[in-house]
All heavy atoms as atom14 arrays in JSON, in Angstrom:
{
  "sequence": "ECRASPWVSEANVMLRLMRQVECVGGHTQIERVLKHTLAEGRERKVN",
  "atom14_mask": [
    [1, 1, 1, 1, 1, 1, 1, 1, 1, 0, 0, 0, 0, 0],
    [1, 1, 1, 1, 1, 1, 0, 0, 0, 0, 0, 0, 0, 0],
    [1, 1, 1, 1, 1, 1, 1, 1, 1, 1, 1, 0, 0, 0],
    [1, 1, 1, 1, 1, 0, 0, 0, 0, 0, 0, 0, 0, 0],
    [1, 1, 1, 1, 1, 1, 0, 0, 0, 0, 0, 0, 0, 0],
    [1, 1, 1, 1, 1, 1, 1, 0, 0, 0, 0, 0, 0, 0],
    [1, 1, 1, 1, 1, 1, 1, 1, 1, 1, 1, 1, 1, 1],
    [1, 1, 1, 1, 1, 1, 1, 0, 0, 0, 0, 0, 0, 0],
    [1, 1, 1, 1, 1, 1, 0, 0, 0, 0, 0, 0, 0, 0],
    [1, 1, 1, 1, 1, 1, 1, 1, 1, 0, 0, 0, 0, 0],
    [1, 1, 1, 1, 1, 0, 0, 0, 0, 0, 0, 0, 0, 0],
    [1, 1, 1, 1, 1, 1, 1, 1, 0, 0, 0, 0, 0, 0],
    [1, 1, 1, 1, 1, 1, 1, 0, 0, 0, 0, 0, 0, 0],
    [1, 1, 1, 1, 1, 1, 1, 1, 0, 0, 0, 0, 0, 0],
    [1, 1, 1, 1, 1, 1, 1, 1, 0, 0, 0, 0, 0, 0],
    [1, 1, 1, 1, 1, 1, 1, 1, 1, 1, 1, 0, 0, 0],
    [1, 1, 1, 1, 1, 1, 1, 1, 0, 0, 0, 0, 0, 0],
    [1, 1, 1, 1, 1, 1, 1, 1, 0, 0, 0, 0, 0, 0],
    [1, 1, 1, 1, 1, 1, 1, 1, 1, 1, 1, 0, 0, 0],
    [1, 1, 1, 1, 1, 1, 1, 1, 1, 0, 0, 0, 0, 0],
    [1, 1, 1, 1, 1, 1, 1, 0, 0, 0, 0, 0, 0, 0],
    [1, 1, 1, 1, 1, 1, 1, 1, 1, 0, 0, 0, 0, 0],
    [1, 1, 1, 1, 1, 1, 0, 0, 0, 0, 0, 0, 0, 0],
    [1, 1, 1, 1, 1, 1, 1, 0, 0, 0, 0, 0, 0, 0],
    [1, 1, 1, 1, 0, 0, 0, 0, 0, 0, 0, 0, 0, 0],
    [1, 1, 1, 1, 0, 0, 0, 0, 0, 0, 0, 0, 0, 0],
    [1, 1, 1, 1, 1, 1, 1, 1, 1, 1, 0, 0, 0, 0],
    [1, 1, 1, 1, 1, 1, 1, 0, 0, 0, 0, 0, 0, 0],
    [1, 1, 1, 1, 1, 1, 1, 1, 1, 0, 0, 0, 0, 0],
    [1, 1, 1, 1, 1, 1, 1, 1, 0, 0, 0, 0, 0, 0],
    [1, 1, 1, 1, 1, 1, 1, 1, 1, 0, 0, 0, 0, 0],
    [1, 1, 1, 1, 1, 1, 1, 1, 1, 1, 1, 0, 0, 0],
    [1, 1, 1, 1, 1, 1, 1, 0, 0, 0, 0, 0, 0, 0],
    [1, 1, 1, 1, 1, 1, 1, 1, 0, 0, 0, 0, 0, 0],
    [1, 1, 1, 1, 1, 1, 1, 1, 1, 0, 0, 0, 0, 0],
    [1, 1, 1, 1, 1, 1, 1, 1, 1, 1, 0, 0, 0, 0],
    [1, 1, 1, 1, 1, 1, 1, 0, 0, 0, 0, 0, 0, 0],
    [1, 1, 1, 1, 1, 1, 1, 1, 0, 0, 0, 0, 0, 0],
    [1, 1, 1, 1, 1, 0, 0, 0, 0, 0, 0, 0, 0, 0],
    [1, 1, 1, 1, 1, 1, 1, 1, 1, 0, 0, 0, 0, 0],
    [1, 1, 1, 1, 0, 0, 0, 0, 0, 0, 0, 0, 0, 0],
    [1, 1, 1, 1, 1, 1, 1, 1, 1, 1, 1, 0, 0, 0],
    [1, 1, 1, 1, 1, 1, 1, 1, 1, 0, 0, 0, 0, 0],
    [1, 1, 1, 1, 1, 1, 1, 1, 1, 1, 1, 0, 0, 0],
    [1, 1, 1, 1, 1, 1, 1, 1, 1, 0, 0, 0, 0, 0],
    [1, 1, 1, 1, 1, 1, 1, 0, 0, 0, 0, 0, 0, 0],
    [1, 1, 1, 1, 1, 1, 1, 1, 0, 0, 0, 0, 0, 0]
  ],
  "atom14_positions": [
    [[-6.92, 19.2, -0.34], [-6.0, 18.23, 0.22], [-6.76, 17.33, 1.2], [-7.39, 17.77, 2.14], [-4.88, 18.93, 0.98], [-3.87, 17.96, 1.6], [-2.78, 18.64, 2.4], [-2.86, 19.88, 2.57], [-1.87, 17.94, 2.87], [0.0, 0.0, 0.0], [0.0, 0.0, 0.0], [0.0, 0.0, 0.0], [0.0, 0.0, 0.0], [0.0, 0.0, 0.0]],
    [[-6.67, 16.01, 0.95], [-7.32, 15.03, 1.81], [-6.39, 13.82, 1.87], [-6.09, 13.21, 0.85], [-8.68, 14.62, 1.23], [-9.66, 13.58, 2.31], [0.0, 0.0, 0.0], [0.0, 0.0, 0.0], [0.0, 0.0, 0.0], [0.0, 0.0, 0.0], [0.0, 0.0, 0.0], [0.0, 0.0, 0.0], [0.0, 0.0, 0.0], [0.0, 0.0, 0.0]],
    [[-5.92, 13.5, 3.07], [-4.9, 12.46, 3.19], [-5.28, 11.41, 4.23], [-6.01, 11.7, 5.19], [-3.57, 13.08, 3.59], [-2.97, 14.01, 2.56], [-1.52, 14.28, 2.89], [-0.91, 15.2, 1.91], [0.39, 15.45, 1.86], [1.2, 14.86, 2.71], [0.87, 16.28, 0.96], [0.0, 0.0, 0.0], [0.0, 0.0, 0.0], [0.0, 0.0, 0.0]],
    [[-4.73, 10.22, 4.03], [-4.89, 9.13, 4.98], [-3.51, 8.62, 5.38], [-2.64, 8.43, 4.53], [-5.7, 7.99, 4.36], [0.0, 0.0, 0.0], [0.0, 0.0, 0.0], [0.0, 0.0, 0.0], [0.0, 0.0, 0.0], [0.0, 0.0, 0.0], [0.0, 0.0, 0.0], [0.0, 0.0, 0.0], [0.0, 0.0, 0.0], [0.0, 0.0, 0.0]],
    [[-3.32, 8.41, 6.67], [-2.07, 7.86, 7.15], [-2.08, 6.34, 6.93], [-3.09, 5.76, 6.61], [-1.92, 8.16, 8.66], [-2.71, 7.27, 9.41], [0.0, 0.0, 0.0], [0.0, 0.0, 0.0], [0.0, 0.0, 0.0], [0.0, 0.0, 0.0], [0.0, 0.0, 0.0], [0.0, 0.0, 0.0], [0.0, 0.0, 0.0], [0.0, 0.0, 0.0]],
    [[-0.94, 5.7, 7.16], [-0.95, 4.24, 7.21], [-1.8, 3.8, 8.43], [-2.05, 4.6, 9.33], [0.52, 3.88, 7.43], [1.3, 5.12, 7.09], [0.4, 6.26, 7.39], [0.0, 0.0, 0.0], [0.0, 0.0, 0.0], [0.0, 0.0, 0.0], [0.0, 0.0, 0.0], [0.0, 0.0, 0.0], [0.0, 0.0, 0.0], [0.0, 0.0, 0.0]],
    [[-2.18, 2.54, 8.47], [-2.82, 1.98, 9.67], [-1.72, 1.81, 10.72], [-0.67, 1.23, 10.43], [-3.47, 0.66, 9.36], [-4.69, 0.79, 8.53], [-4.79, 0.72, 7.17], [-6.03, 1.05, 9.0], [-6.09, 0.91, 6.75], [-6.87, 1.1, 7.88], [-6.57, 1.21, 10.29], [-8.24, 1.35, 7.96], [-7.95, 1.45, 10.37], [-8.76, 1.51, 9.23]],
    [[-1.96, 2.33, 11.93], [-0.98, 2.23, 12.99], [-1.61, 1.68, 14.26], [-2.81, 1.75, 14.45], [-0.32, 3.6, 13.27], [0.35, 4.16, 12.03], [-1.35, 4.59, 13.82], [0.0, 0.0, 0.0], [0.0, 0.0, 0.0], [0.0, 0.0, 0.0], [0.0, 0.0, 0.0], [0.0, 0.0, 0.0], [0.0, 0.0, 0.0], [0.0, 0.0, 0.0]],
    [[-0.76, 1.11, 15.11], [-1.26, 0.49, 16.35], [-0.58, 1.04, 17.59], [-0.83, 0.53, 18.68], [-1.09, -1.03, 16.27], [0.28, -1.35, 16.06], [0.0, 0.0, 0.0], [0.0, 0.0, 0.0], [0.0, 0.0, 0.0], [0.0, 0.0, 0.0], [0.0, 0.0, 0.0], [0.0, 0.0, 0.0], [0.0, 0.0, 0.0], [0.0, 0.0, 0.0]],
    [[0.27, 2.06, 17.44], [0.99, 2.61, 18.59], [0.69, 4.12, 18.69], [0.77, 4.84, 17.71], [2.49, 2.4, 18.45], [2.89, 0.92, 18.42], [4.37, 0.73, 18.25], [5.11, 1.74, 18.33], [4.81, -0.41, 18.06], [0.0, 0.0, 0.0], [0.0, 0.0, 0.0], [0.0, 0.0, 0.0], [0.0, 0.0, 0.0], [0.0, 0.0, 0.0]],
    [[0.42, 4.53, 19.93], [0.06, 5.94, 20.16], [1.15, 6.89, 19.75], [0.89, 7.95, 19.16], [-0.29, 6.12, 21.64], [0.0, 0.0, 0.0], [0.0, 0.0, 0.0], [0.0, 0.0, 0.0], [0.0, 0.0, 0.0], [0.0, 0.0, 0.0], [0.0, 0.0, 0.0], [0.0, 0.0, 0.0], [0.0, 0.0, 0.0], [0.0, 0.0, 0.0]],
    [[2.42, 6.55, 20.04], [3.48, 7.49, 19.73], [3.66, 7.69, 18.23], [4.03, 8.75, 17.76], [4.81, 7.03, 20.36], [5.27, 5.67, 19.87], [4.47, 4.88, 19.4], [6.55, 5.38, 19.99], [0.0, 0.0, 0.0], [0.0, 0.0, 0.0], [0.0, 0.0, 0.0], [0.0, 0.0, 0.0], [0.0, 0.0, 0.0], [0.0, 0.0, 0.0]],
    [[3.38, 6.63, 17.46], [3.48, 6.77, 16.0], [2.37, 7.71, 15.49], [2.63, 8.62, 14.69], [3.33, 5.39, 15.32], [3.32, 5.54, 13.79], [4.48, 4.48, 15.73], [0.0, 0.0, 0.0], [0.0, 0.0, 0.0], [0.0, 0.0, 0.0], [0.0, 0.0, 0.0], [0.0, 0.0, 0.0], [0.0, 0.0, 0.0], [0.0, 0.0, 0.0]],
    [[1.16, 7.52, 15.98], [0.05, 8.39, 15.56], [0.28, 9.84, 15.96], [0.04, 10.78, 15.2], [-1.29, 7.89, 16.13], [-2.49, 8.75, 15.74], [-2.71, 8.9, 13.94], [-3.32, 7.26, 13.56], [0.0, 0.0, 0.0], [0.0, 0.0, 0.0], [0.0, 0.0, 0.0], [0.0, 0.0, 0.0], [0.0, 0.0, 0.0], [0.0, 0.0, 0.0]],
    [[0.8, 10.04, 17.17], [1.08, 11.39, 17.61], [2.13, 12.06, 16.74], [2.05, 13.23, 16.4], [1.53, 11.4, 19.08], [0.4, 11.24, 20.11], [1.0, 11.08, 21.48], [-0.53, 12.45, 20.07], [0.0, 0.0, 0.0], [0.0, 0.0, 0.0], [0.0, 0.0, 0.0], [0.0, 0.0, 0.0], [0.0, 0.0, 0.0], [0.0, 0.0, 0.0]],
    [[3.12, 11.28, 16.35], [4.18, 11.83, 15.48], [3.58, 12.25, 14.14], [3.94, 13.27, 13.56], [5.27, 10.78, 15.27], [6.5, 11.32, 14.58], [7.71, 10.44, 14.81], [7.54, 9.09, 14.3], [7.44, 7.99, 15.07], [7.55, 8.1, 16.39], [7.28, 6.8, 14.55], [0.0, 0.0, 0.0], [0.0, 0.0, 0.0], [0.0, 0.0, 0.0]],
    [[2.65, 11.46, 13.63], [1.99, 11.8, 12.38], [1.15, 13.07, 12.53], [1.22, 14.0, 11.7], [1.08, 10.67, 11.91], [1.77, 9.34, 11.51], [0.74, 8.27, 11.21], [2.67, 9.55, 10.31], [0.0, 0.0, 0.0], [0.0, 0.0, 0.0], [0.0, 0.0, 0.0], [0.0, 0.0, 0.0], [0.0, 0.0, 0.0], [0.0, 0.0, 0.0]],
    [[0.39, 13.15, 13.63], [-0.49, 14.29, 13.83], [0.28, 15.59, 14.02], [-0.17, 16.67, 13.63], [-1.44, 14.05, 15.02], [-2.49, 12.97, 14.74], [-3.72, 12.9, 16.07], [-4.6, 14.43, 15.77], [0.0, 0.0, 0.0], [0.0, 0.0, 0.0], [0.0, 0.0, 0.0], [0.0, 0.0, 0.0], [0.0, 0.0, 0.0], [0.0, 0.0, 0.0]],
    [[1.44, 15.49, 14.67], [2.23, 16.69, 14.93], [2.78, 17.32, 13.66], [3.22, 18.46, 13.64], [3.35, 16.36, 15.9], [2.87, 16.23, 17.34], [3.93, 15.68, 18.24], [3.42, 15.5, 19.6], [3.88, 14.62, 20.47], [4.9, 13.81, 20.13], [3.35, 14.51, 21.67], [0.0, 0.0, 0.0], [0.0, 0.0, 0.0], [0.0, 0.0, 0.0]],
    [[2.78, 16.56, 12.58], [3.24, 17.09, 11.31], [2.11, 17.79, 10.53], [2.36, 18.37, 9.48], [3.82, 15.97, 10.47], [5.06, 15.32, 11.07], [5.59, 14.17, 10.21], [5.75, 14.3, 9.01], [5.84, 13.04, 10.84], [0.0, 0.0, 0.0], [0.0, 0.0, 0.0], [0.0, 0.0, 0.0], [0.0, 0.0, 0.0], [0.0, 0.0, 0.0]],
    [[0.9, 17.72, 11.07], [-0.24, 18.31, 10.4], [-0.56, 19.67, 11.0], [-0.69, 19.8, 12.23], [-1.49, 17.39, 10.52], [-2.68, 18.03, 9.8], [-1.2, 16.01, 9.94], [0.0, 0.0, 0.0], [0.0, 0.0, 0.0], [0.0, 0.0, 0.0], [0.0, 0.0, 0.0], [0.0, 0.0, 0.0], [0.0, 0.0, 0.0], [0.0, 0.0, 0.0]],
    [[-0.72, 20.67, 10.17], [-1.14, 21.99, 10.61], [-2.47, 22.34, 9.95], [-2.72, 21.97, 8.78], [-0.12, 23.06, 10.23], [1.22, 22.89, 10.92], [2.21, 23.98, 10.54], [1.85, 24.81, 9.69], [3.32, 23.98, 11.09], [0.0, 0.0, 0.0], [0.0, 0.0, 0.0], [0.0, 0.0, 0.0], [0.0, 0.0, 0.0], [0.0, 0.0, 0.0]],
    [[-3.32, 22.99, 10.68], [-4.63, 23.38, 10.12], [-4.42, 24.49, 9.08], [-3.67, 25.43, 9.28], [-5.54, 23.88, 11.24], [-6.0, 22.57, 12.43], [0.0, 0.0, 0.0], [0.0, 0.0, 0.0], [0.0, 0.0, 0.0], [0.0, 0.0, 0.0], [0.0, 0.0, 0.0], [0.0, 0.0, 0.0], [0.0, 0.0, 0.0], [0.0, 0.0, 0.0]],
    [[-5.13, 24.33, 7.96], [-5.02, 25.26, 6.83], [-6.44, 25.59, 6.33], [-7.3, 24.72, 6.28], [-4.2, 24.66, 5.67], [-4.17, 25.59, 4.47], [-2.78, 24.3, 6.13], [0.0, 0.0, 0.0], [0.0, 0.0, 0.0], [0.0, 0.0, 0.0], [0.0, 0.0, 0.0], [0.0, 0.0, 0.0], [0.0, 0.0, 0.0], [0.0, 0.0, 0.0]],
    [[-6.66, 26.85, 6.0], [-7.97, 27.25, 5.52], [-8.43, 26.48, 4.28], [-7.63, 26.12, 3.44], [0.0, 0.0, 0.0], [0.0, 0.0, 0.0], [0.0, 0.0, 0.0], [0.0, 0.0, 0.0], [0.0, 0.0, 0.0], [0.0, 0.0, 0.0], [0.0, 0.0, 0.0], [0.0, 0.0, 0.0], [0.0, 0.0, 0.0], [0.0, 0.0, 0.0]],
    [[-9.7, 26.22, 4.22], [-10.26, 25.48, 3.1], [-11.67, 25.02, 3.41], [-12.18, 25.27, 4.49], [0.0, 0.0, 0.0], [0.0, 0.0, 0.0], [0.0, 0.0, 0.0], [0.0, 0.0, 0.0], [0.0, 0.0, 0.0], [0.0, 0.0, 0.0], [0.0, 0.0, 0.0], [0.0, 0.0, 0.0], [0.0, 0.0, 0.0], [0.0, 0.0, 0.0]],
    [[-12.28, 24.35, 2.43], [-13.65, 23.85, 2.61], [-13.65, 22.41, 3.11], [-12.67, 21.66, 2.95], [-14.41, 23.92, 1.29], [-14.73, 25.34, 0.9], [-15.29, 25.65, -0.32], [-14.57, 26.52, 1.55], [-15.47, 26.97, -0.41], [-15.04, 27.51, 0.72], [0.0, 0.0, 0.0], [0.0, 0.0, 0.0], [0.0, 0.0, 0.0], [0.0, 0.0, 0.0]],
    [[-14.77, 22.0, 3.67], [-14.9, 20.63, 4.16], [-14.89, 19.62, 2.98], [-15.27, 19.96, 1.86], [-16.19, 20.42, 4.95], [-17.34, 20.68, 4.12], [-16.2, 21.33, 6.17], [0.0, 0.0, 0.0], [0.0, 0.0, 0.0], [0.0, 0.0, 0.0], [0.0, 0.0, 0.0], [0.0, 0.0, 0.0], [0.0, 0.0, 0.0], [0.0, 0.0, 0.0]],
    [[-14.44, 18.41, 3.27], [-14.38, 17.34, 2.29], [-14.87, 16.03, 2.91], [-14.23, 14.96, 2.78], [-12.95, 17.17, 1.76], [-12.37, 18.43, 1.11], [-10.94, 18.23, 0.66], [-10.66, 17.37, -0.16], [-10.03, 19.03, 1.21], [0.0, 0.0, 0.0], [0.0, 0.0, 0.0], [0.0, 0.0, 0.0], [0.0, 0.0, 0.0], [0.0, 0.0, 0.0]],
    [[-16.0, 16.11, 3.55], [-16.54, 14.96, 4.27], [-16.91, 13.83, 3.31], [-16.69, 12.64, 3.61], [-17.78, 15.38, 5.09], [-17.4, 16.47, 6.09], [-18.37, 14.18, 5.82], [-18.57, 17.14, 6.77], [0.0, 0.0, 0.0], [0.0, 0.0, 0.0], [0.0, 0.0, 0.0], [0.0, 0.0, 0.0], [0.0, 0.0, 0.0], [0.0, 0.0, 0.0]],
    [[-17.44, 14.16, 2.14], [-17.81, 13.11, 1.2], [-16.57, 12.29, 0.81], [-16.65, 11.06, 0.66], [-18.46, 13.72, -0.04], [-18.99, 12.64, -1.01], [-19.65, 13.22, -2.24], [-19.66, 14.45, -2.4], [-20.12, 12.42, -3.08], [0.0, 0.0, 0.0], [0.0, 0.0, 0.0], [0.0, 0.0, 0.0], [0.0, 0.0, 0.0], [0.0, 0.0, 0.0]],
    [[-15.43, 12.94, 0.62], [-14.21, 12.21, 0.29], [-13.8, 11.27, 1.42], [-13.31, 10.16, 1.19], [-13.07, 13.18, -0.03], [-13.23, 13.88, -1.36], [-11.99, 14.72, -1.67], [-10.81, 13.91, -1.98], [-9.59, 14.4, -2.21], [-9.41, 15.71, -2.16], [-8.6, 13.61, -2.47], [0.0, 0.0, 0.0], [0.0, 0.0, 0.0], [0.0, 0.0, 0.0]],
    [[-13.99, 11.72, 2.66], [-13.68, 10.85, 3.8], [-14.53, 9.61, 3.78], [-14.06, 8.49, 4.0], [-13.9, 11.62, 5.12], [-13.84, 10.69, 6.32], [-12.87, 12.74, 5.28], [0.0, 0.0, 0.0], [0.0, 0.0, 0.0], [0.0, 0.0, 0.0], [0.0, 0.0, 0.0], [0.0, 0.0, 0.0], [0.0, 0.0, 0.0], [0.0, 0.0, 0.0]],
    [[-15.83, 9.77, 3.49], [-16.73, 8.62, 3.46], [-16.39, 7.68, 2.31], [-16.43, 6.45, 2.47], [-18.19, 9.12, 3.35], [-18.67, 10.04, 4.46], [-20.18, 10.27, 4.34], [-18.33, 9.51, 5.84], [0.0, 0.0, 0.0], [0.0, 0.0, 0.0], [0.0, 0.0, 0.0], [0.0, 0.0, 0.0], [0.0, 0.0, 0.0], [0.0, 0.0, 0.0]],
    [[-16.07, 8.24, 1.15], [-15.65, 7.41, 0.01], [-14.41, 6.6, 0.35], [-14.31, 5.41, 0.01], [-15.39, 8.28, -1.22], [-16.62, 8.86, -1.89], [-16.22, 9.7, -3.1], [-17.45, 10.28, -3.82], [-17.05, 11.14, -4.96], [0.0, 0.0, 0.0], [0.0, 0.0, 0.0], [0.0, 0.0, 0.0], [0.0, 0.0, 0.0], [0.0, 0.0, 0.0]],
    [[-13.46, 7.24, 1.01], [-12.24, 6.55, 1.41], [-12.54, 5.42, 2.36], [-12.01, 4.31, 2.23], [-11.26, 7.54, 2.06], [-10.1, 6.86, 2.71], [-9.05, 6.37, 1.99], [-9.86, 6.59, 4.01], [-8.17, 5.81, 2.82], [-8.65, 5.94, 4.07], [0.0, 0.0, 0.0], [0.0, 0.0, 0.0], [0.0, 0.0, 0.0], [0.0, 0.0, 0.0]],
    [[-13.4, 5.68, 3.34], [-13.74, 4.65, 4.32], [-14.45, 3.49, 3.64], [-14.23, 2.32, 4.01], [-14.62, 5.26, 5.44], [-13.94, 6.37, 6.01], [-14.88, 4.24, 6.52], [0.0, 0.0, 0.0], [0.0, 0.0, 0.0], [0.0, 0.0, 0.0], [0.0, 0.0, 0.0], [0.0, 0.0, 0.0], [0.0, 0.0, 0.0], [0.0, 0.0, 0.0]],
    [[-15.29, 3.78, 2.67], [-15.96, 2.71, 1.92], [-14.92, 1.84, 1.23], [-15.01, 0.6, 1.25], [-16.89, 3.32, 0.85], [-18.3, 3.68, 1.32], [-18.98, 4.55, 0.26], [-19.13, 2.44, 1.6], [0.0, 0.0, 0.0], [0.0, 0.0, 0.0], [0.0, 0.0, 0.0], [0.0, 0.0, 0.0], [0.0, 0.0, 0.0], [0.0, 0.0, 0.0]],
    [[-13.95, 2.46, 0.59], [-12.9, 1.68, -0.09], [-12.12, 0.81, 0.88], [-11.84, -0.35, 0.61], [-11.96, 2.63, -0.84], [0.0, 0.0, 0.0], [0.0, 0.0, 0.0], [0.0, 0.0, 0.0], [0.0, 0.0, 0.0], [0.0, 0.0, 0.0], [0.0, 0.0, 0.0], [0.0, 0.0, 0.0], [0.0, 0.0, 0.0], [0.0, 0.0, 0.0]],
    [[-11.79, 1.37, 2.03], [-11.05, 0.6, 3.03], [-11.9, -0.56, 3.55], [-11.42, -1.69, 3.74], [-10.65, 1.49, 4.22], [-9.59, 2.52, 3.87], [-8.18, 1.93, 3.79], [-8.01, 0.72, 4.09], [-7.24, 2.67, 3.4], [0.0, 0.0, 0.0], [0.0, 0.0, 0.0], [0.0, 0.0, 0.0], [0.0, 0.0, 0.0], [0.0, 0.0, 0.0]],
    [[-13.19, -0.28, 3.81], [-14.07, -1.29, 4.35], [-14.37, -2.42, 3.38], [-14.6, -3.57, 3.78], [0.0, 0.0, 0.0], [0.0, 0.0, 0.0], [0.0, 0.0, 0.0], [0.0, 0.0, 0.0], [0.0, 0.0, 0.0], [0.0, 0.0, 0.0], [0.0, 0.0, 0.0], [0.0, 0.0, 0.0], [0.0, 0.0, 0.0], [0.0, 0.0, 0.0]],
    [[-14.35, -2.13, 2.09], [-14.6, -3.17, 1.09], [-13.36, -4.08, 0.93], [-13.48, -5.23, 0.54], [-14.99, -2.55, -0.23], [-16.41, -2.01, -0.2], [-16.7, -1.11, -1.38], [-18.08, -0.65, -1.37], [-18.53, 0.45, -1.95], [-17.67, 1.23, -2.62], [-19.8, 0.78, -1.89], [0.0, 0.0, 0.0], [0.0, 0.0, 0.0], [0.0, 0.0, 0.0]],
    [[-12.21, -3.51, 1.25], [-10.97, -4.27, 1.15], [-10.79, -5.17, 2.35], [-10.36, -6.33, 2.25], [-9.78, -3.31, 1.01], [-8.45, -4.0, 0.88], [-7.33, -2.99, 0.67], [-7.54, -1.98, -0.04], [-6.23, -3.2, 1.24], [0.0, 0.0, 0.0], [0.0, 0.0, 0.0], [0.0, 0.0, 0.0], [0.0, 0.0, 0.0], [0.0, 0.0, 0.0]],
    [[-11.11, -4.61, 3.55], [-11.01, -5.35, 4.81], [-11.88, -4.66, 5.85], [-11.99, -3.44, 5.86], [-9.52, -5.37, 5.27], [-9.28, -6.21, 6.52], [-7.83, -6.12, 6.92], [-7.63, -6.69, 8.25], [-6.62, -6.41, 9.05], [-5.68, -5.55, 8.61], [-6.52, -6.96, 10.23], [0.0, 0.0, 0.0], [0.0, 0.0, 0.0], [0.0, 0.0, 0.0]],
    [[-12.46, -5.44, 6.74], [-13.46, -4.93, 7.67], [-12.99, -3.69, 8.44], [-11.89, -3.69, 9.01], [-13.81, -6.03, 8.7], [-14.74, -5.59, 9.81], [-16.11, -5.26, 9.27], [-17.07, -4.84, 10.39], [-18.37, -4.4, 9.84], [0.0, 0.0, 0.0], [0.0, 0.0, 0.0], [0.0, 0.0, 0.0], [0.0, 0.0, 0.0], [0.0, 0.0, 0.0]],
    [[-13.83, -2.65, 8.44], [-13.63, -1.46, 9.29], [-14.73, -1.49, 10.31], [-15.91, -1.59, 9.96], [-13.67, -0.17, 8.45], [-13.72, 1.05, 9.38], [-12.48, -0.06, 7.52], [0.0, 0.0, 0.0], [0.0, 0.0, 0.0], [0.0, 0.0, 0.0], [0.0, 0.0, 0.0], [0.0, 0.0, 0.0], [0.0, 0.0, 0.0], [0.0, 0.0, 0.0]],
    [[-14.38, -1.42, 11.59], [-15.38, -1.56, 12.65], [-16.13, -0.3, 12.97], [-17.26, -0.37, 13.49], [-14.68, -2.09, 13.92], [-14.1, -3.47, 13.73], [-13.03, -3.6, 13.15], [-14.8, -4.51, 14.15], [0.0, 0.0, 0.0], [0.0, 0.0, 0.0], [0.0, 0.0, 0.0], [0.0, 0.0, 0.0], [0.0, 0.0, 0.0], [0.0, 0.0, 0.0]]
  ]
}
């Protein structure tokens, strides 16, 4: 499981999203995170 939230600009919205996430056993998926960031950055600048 690897998920991305919408882009948000308010702290309370992000906190609400994070509070719905619970840690679950599993392996790392760092490569998927990097692939996702590449896709986002090619669509529009990621700083």
